C-alpha cells in the first residue's frame, strides 16, 4: 500500500508499506523508492515518527539510488552495449 508523508523539511516522501509478521520496523531503499516492512501492531503514527527521525538518512540513500540508476537500454541502430567486456555496436 502506498503512503505519503510530509517531512519536517517540507519535502513529500512516498513510501510503500508492507505489513509482516516481524518484531521490528525495516526500512529498505530501492530504485523504486522507500519500502517499509512493519509489524502488524505498529500504528501509522508510530511509523511516521520513525520516518521523521530517519529522514536525513532516507533522503541521502534515495538520492544515491537515483544517481546510480542504469539508463534504460535503447535497442536501436548504432546503440552501444557492453557484452562480455567488449563494446558492441548494434546494427
C-alpha atoms as a PDB file:
ATOM      1  CA  UNK A   1       0.000   0.000   0.000  1.00  0.00           C
ATOM      2  CA  UNK A   2       1.446   3.391  -0.973  1.00  0.00           C
ATOM      3  CA  UNK A   3       1.509   6.266   1.527  1.00  0.00           C
ATOM      4  CA  UNK A   4       2.789   9.843   1.551  1.00  0.00           C
ATOM      5  CA  UNK A   5       4.285  11.834   4.410  1.00  0.00           C
ATOM      6  CA  UNK A   6       5.402  15.464   4.569  1.00  0.00           C
ATOM      7  CA  UNK A   7       8.832  15.644   6.214  1.00  0.00           C
ATOM      8  CA  UNK A   8       9.892  18.435   8.605  1.00  0.00           C
ATOM      9  CA  UNK A   9      11.914  19.938   5.730  1.00  0.00           C
ATOM     10  CA  UNK A  10       8.710  20.303   3.694  1.00  0.00           C
ATOM     11  CA  UNK A  11       9.566  17.532   1.226  1.00  0.00           C
ATOM     12  CA  UNK A  12       6.938  14.933   0.403  1.00  0.00           C
ATOM     13  CA  UNK A  13       8.074  11.336   0.696  1.00  0.00           C
ATOM     14  CA  UNK A  14       6.174   8.477  -0.927  1.00  0.00           C
ATOM     15  CA  UNK A  15       6.672   5.041   0.536  1.00  0.00           C
ATOM     16  CA  UNK A  16       5.269   1.570   0.217  1.00  0.00           C
ATOM     17  CA  UNK A  17       4.077  -0.088   3.437  1.00  0.00           C
ATOM     18  CA  UNK A  18       4.166  -3.854   3.794  1.00  0.00           C
ATOM     19  CA  UNK A  19       2.779  -5.367   6.997  1.00  0.00           C
ATOM     20  CA  UNK A  20       4.508  -8.582   8.062  1.00  0.00           C
ATOM     21  CA  UNK A  21       4.918 -10.936  10.981  1.00  0.00           C
ATOM     22  CA  UNK A  22       8.094  -9.423  12.425  1.00  0.00           C
ATOM     23  CA  UNK A  23       9.305  -7.692  15.581  1.00  0.00           C
ATOM     24  CA  UNK A  24      10.967  -4.561  14.214  1.00  0.00           C
ATOM     25  CA  UNK A  25      10.405  -1.952  11.522  1.00  0.00           C
ATOM     26  CA  UNK A  26      12.630  -2.331   8.466  1.00  0.00           C
ATOM     27  CA  UNK A  27      13.442   0.439   6.006  1.00  0.00           C
ATOM     28  CA  UNK A  28      14.578  -0.614   2.522  1.00  0.00           C
ATOM     29  CA  UNK A  29      15.724   1.745  -0.225  1.00  0.00           C
ATOM     30  CA  UNK A  30      15.320   0.502  -3.799  1.00  0.00           C
ATOM     31  CA  UNK A  31      15.361   2.173  -7.190  1.00  0.00           C
ATOM     32  CA  UNK A  32      11.566   2.263  -6.896  1.00  0.00           C
ATOM     33  CA  UNK A  33      11.753   4.197  -3.617  1.00  0.00           C
ATOM     34  CA  UNK A  34      11.294   3.536   0.094  1.00  0.00           C
ATOM     35  CA  UNK A  35       9.716   0.284   1.256  1.00  0.00           C
ATOM     36  CA  UNK A  36       8.796  -0.125   4.917  1.00  0.00           C
ATOM     37  CA  UNK A  37       8.334  -3.579   6.414  1.00  0.00           C
ATOM     38  CA  UNK A  38       6.398  -3.170   9.649  1.00  0.00           C
ATOM     39  CA  UNK A  39       4.869  -5.439  12.273  1.00  0.00           C
ATOM     40  CA  UNK A  40       1.089  -5.645  12.347  1.00  0.00           C
ATOM     41  CA  UNK A  41       0.908  -3.986  15.786  1.00  0.00           C
ATOM     42  CA  UNK A  42       2.735  -0.747  14.864  1.00  0.00           C
ATOM     43  CA  UNK A  43       0.458   2.219  14.075  1.00  0.00           C
ATOM     44  CA  UNK A  44       0.816   4.610  11.147  1.00  0.00           C
ATOM     45  CA  UNK A  45       1.563   7.445  13.608  1.00  0.00           C
ATOM     46  CA  UNK A  46       4.499   5.480  15.034  1.00  0.00           C
ATOM     47  CA  UNK A  47       5.758   4.664  11.527  1.00  0.00           C
ATOM     48  CA  UNK A  48       5.634   8.331  10.539  1.00  0.00           C
ATOM     49  CA  UNK A  49       7.583   9.230  13.686  1.00  0.00           C
ATOM     50  CA  UNK A  50      10.270   6.704  12.708  1.00  0.00           C
ATOM     51  CA  UNK A  51      10.377   8.095   9.163  1.00  0.00           C
ATOM     52  CA  UNK A  52      10.782  11.643  10.514  1.00  0.00           C
ATOM     53  CA  UNK A  53      13.666  10.537  12.742  1.00  0.00           C
ATOM     54  CA  UNK A  54      15.405   8.813   9.830  1.00  0.00           C
ATOM     55  CA  UNK A  55      14.511  11.442   7.196  1.00  0.00           C
ATOM     56  CA  UNK A  56      18.101  12.583   6.559  1.00  0.00           C
ATOM     57  CA  UNK A  57      19.317   9.018   6.039  1.00  0.00           C
ATOM     58  CA  UNK A  58      16.325   8.153   3.818  1.00  0.00           C
ATOM     59  CA  UNK A  59      16.740  11.211   1.571  1.00  0.00           C
ATOM     60  CA  UNK A  60      20.505  10.655   1.285  1.00  0.00           C
ATOM     61  CA  UNK A  61      20.021   7.000   0.292  1.00  0.00           C
ATOM     62  CA  UNK A  62      17.225   7.811  -2.167  1.00  0.00           C
ATOM     63  CA  UNK A  63      19.456  10.402  -3.848  1.00  0.00           C
ATOM     64  CA  UNK A  64      22.299   7.882  -4.073  1.00  0.00           C
ATOM     65  CA  UNK A  65      19.972   5.220  -5.511  1.00  0.00           C
ATOM     66  CA  UNK A  66      18.640   7.643  -8.142  1.00  0.00           C
ATOM     67  CA  UNK A  67      22.156   8.700  -9.144  1.00  0.00           C
ATOM     68  CA  UNK A  68      23.228   5.076  -9.584  1.00  0.00           C
ATOM     69  CA  UNK A  69      20.318   4.094 -11.825  1.00  0.00           C
ATOM     70  CA  UNK A  70      21.424   2.447 -15.026  1.00  0.00           C
ATOM     71  CA  UNK A  71      19.799   4.139 -18.029  1.00  0.00           C
ATOM     72  CA  UNK A  72      17.282   2.058 -19.947  1.00  0.00           C
ATOM     73  CA  UNK A  73      18.854   0.327 -22.935  1.00  0.00           C
ATOM     74  CA  UNK A  74      17.651   1.665 -26.280  1.00  0.00           C
ATOM     75  CA  UNK A  75      17.582  -1.225 -28.745  1.00  0.00           C
ATOM     76  CA  UNK A  76      18.146   0.833 -31.873  1.00  0.00           C
ATOM     77  CA  UNK A  77      20.691   1.193 -34.652  1.00  0.00           C
ATOM     78  CA  UNK A  78      24.161   2.466 -33.583  1.00  0.00           C
ATOM     79  CA  UNK A  79      23.448   1.997 -29.861  1.00  0.00           C
ATOM     80  CA  UNK A  80      26.419   0.572 -27.956  1.00  0.00           C
ATOM     81  CA  UNK A  81      26.321  -2.033 -25.236  1.00  0.00           C
ATOM     82  CA  UNK A  82      28.840  -3.941 -23.192  1.00  0.00           C
ATOM     83  CA  UNK A  83      28.950  -7.681 -23.909  1.00  0.00           C
ATOM     84  CA  UNK A  84      31.457  -9.898 -22.104  1.00  0.00           C
ATOM     85  CA  UNK A  85      33.762  -6.935 -21.532  1.00  0.00           C
ATOM     86  CA  UNK A  86      33.675  -5.762 -25.177  1.00  0.00           C
ATOM     87  CA  UNK A  87      31.721  -2.850 -26.637  1.00  0.00           C
ATOM     88  CA  UNK A  88      29.287  -3.963 -29.332  1.00  0.00           C
ATOM     89  CA  UNK A  89      27.507  -1.579 -31.718  1.00  0.00           C
ATOM     90  CA  UNK A  90      24.003  -2.594 -32.729  1.00  0.00           C
ATOM     91  CA  UNK A  91      23.195  -2.623 -36.405  1.00  0.00           C
END
